[in-house]
């Protein structure tokens, strides 16, 4: 039955969405730890440190964008599953 397959797919996709949300704090912490390591080990100059902060900030935000996209996609699939979308879309 197509509904059963769709339901299983939504559940599996929901698990990946939860995983992406759980990893958000981990990724932000990793960026902060990397920045602290760069500072304490004097791996970069003060001028380079600003660029490193910016780069690590945006690297962490890619995970935020991925999590938001996953939530949006999950909502779309749930709407299909629940019949909230018309069949002619």
Protein backbone atom coordinates (compact mmCIF):
# COMPACT_ATOMS: atom_id res chain seq x y z
CA UNK A 1 0.00 0.00 0.00
CA UNK A 2 1.42 3.42 -0.98
CA UNK A 3 0.28 5.05 2.26
CA UNK A 4 2.24 2.52 4.31
CA UNK A 5 5.39 3.12 2.26
CA UNK A 6 4.92 6.88 2.57
CA UNK A 7 4.39 6.58 6.33
CA UNK A 8 7.60 4.56 6.71
CA UNK A 9 9.44 7.13 4.61
CA UNK A 10 8.12 9.99 6.75
CA UNK A 11 9.16 8.21 9.95
CA UNK A 12 12.65 7.56 8.59
CA UNK A 13 12.97 11.14 7.38
CA UNK A 14 11.79 12.36 10.79
CA UNK A 15 14.64 10.42 12.38
CA UNK A 16 17.17 12.16 10.14
CA UNK A 17 15.57 15.50 11.00
CA UNK A 18 15.88 14.79 14.72
CA UNK A 19 19.51 13.83 14.18
CA UNK A 20 20.21 17.11 12.39
CA UNK A 21 18.64 19.03 15.29
CA UNK A 22 20.63 17.09 17.88
CA UNK A 23 23.91 17.79 16.09
CA UNK A 24 23.37 21.57 16.01
CA UNK A 25 24.81 22.27 19.48
CA UNK A 26 27.63 19.82 18.79
CA UNK A 27 28.62 21.68 15.63
CA UNK A 28 28.43 25.09 17.27
CA UNK A 29 30.56 23.80 20.15
CA UNK A 30 33.08 22.34 17.70
CA UNK A 31 33.44 25.73 16.01
CA UNK A 32 33.91 27.44 19.37
CA UNK A 33 36.50 24.86 20.46
CA UNK A 34 38.37 25.22 17.16
CA UNK A 35 38.47 28.97 17.58
CA UNK A 36 39.71 28.70 21.15
CA UNK A 37 42.39 26.23 20.01
CA UNK A 38 43.52 28.61 17.27
CA UNK A 39 43.83 31.39 19.84
CA UNK A 40 45.55 29.45 22.63
CA UNK A 41 48.05 27.73 20.32
CA UNK A 42 48.74 31.00 18.50
CA UNK A 43 48.05 29.33 15.17
CA UNK A 44 46.83 32.56 13.56
CA UNK A 45 47.64 36.23 13.78
CA UNK A 46 45.14 38.68 15.28
CA UNK A 47 44.25 39.75 11.75
CA UNK A 48 43.65 36.16 10.68
CA UNK A 49 41.65 35.46 13.83
CA UNK A 50 38.84 37.71 12.62
CA UNK A 51 38.60 35.75 9.40
CA UNK A 52 38.75 32.47 11.29
CA UNK A 53 35.89 33.59 13.57
CA UNK A 54 33.81 34.54 10.57
CA UNK A 55 34.56 31.32 8.71
CA UNK A 56 33.82 29.09 11.70
CA UNK A 57 30.61 31.01 12.45
CA UNK A 58 29.33 30.45 8.92
CA UNK A 59 30.49 26.83 8.89
CA UNK A 60 28.37 26.16 11.97
CA UNK A 61 25.41 27.97 10.42
CA UNK A 62 25.40 25.60 7.46
CA UNK A 63 24.16 22.97 9.91
CA UNK A 64 21.40 25.32 11.03
CA UNK A 65 20.30 25.84 7.44
CA UNK A 66 20.38 22.08 6.82
CA UNK A 67 18.23 21.48 9.92
CA UNK A 68 15.70 24.11 8.83
CA UNK A 69 15.56 22.60 5.34
CA UNK A 70 15.02 19.17 6.85
CA UNK A 71 12.15 20.47 8.98
CA UNK A 72 10.55 22.08 5.94
CA UNK A 73 10.88 18.92 3.87
CA UNK A 74 9.48 16.82 6.70
CA UNK A 75 6.48 19.13 6.98
CA UNK A 76 5.92 18.81 3.25
CA UNK A 77 5.94 15.00 3.44
CA UNK A 78 3.64 15.02 6.46
CA UNK A 79 1.22 17.23 4.53
CA UNK A 80 1.25 14.75 1.65
CA UNK A 81 0.70 11.88 4.08
CA UNK A 82 -2.20 13.58 5.81
CA UNK A 83 -3.79 14.66 2.55
CA UNK A 84 -3.35 18.35 3.26
CA UNK A 85 -2.09 18.92 -0.27
CA UNK A 86 -4.33 18.48 -3.25
CA UNK A 87 -3.44 15.77 -5.75
CA UNK A 88 -3.08 18.23 -8.66
CA UNK A 89 -0.04 20.12 -7.18
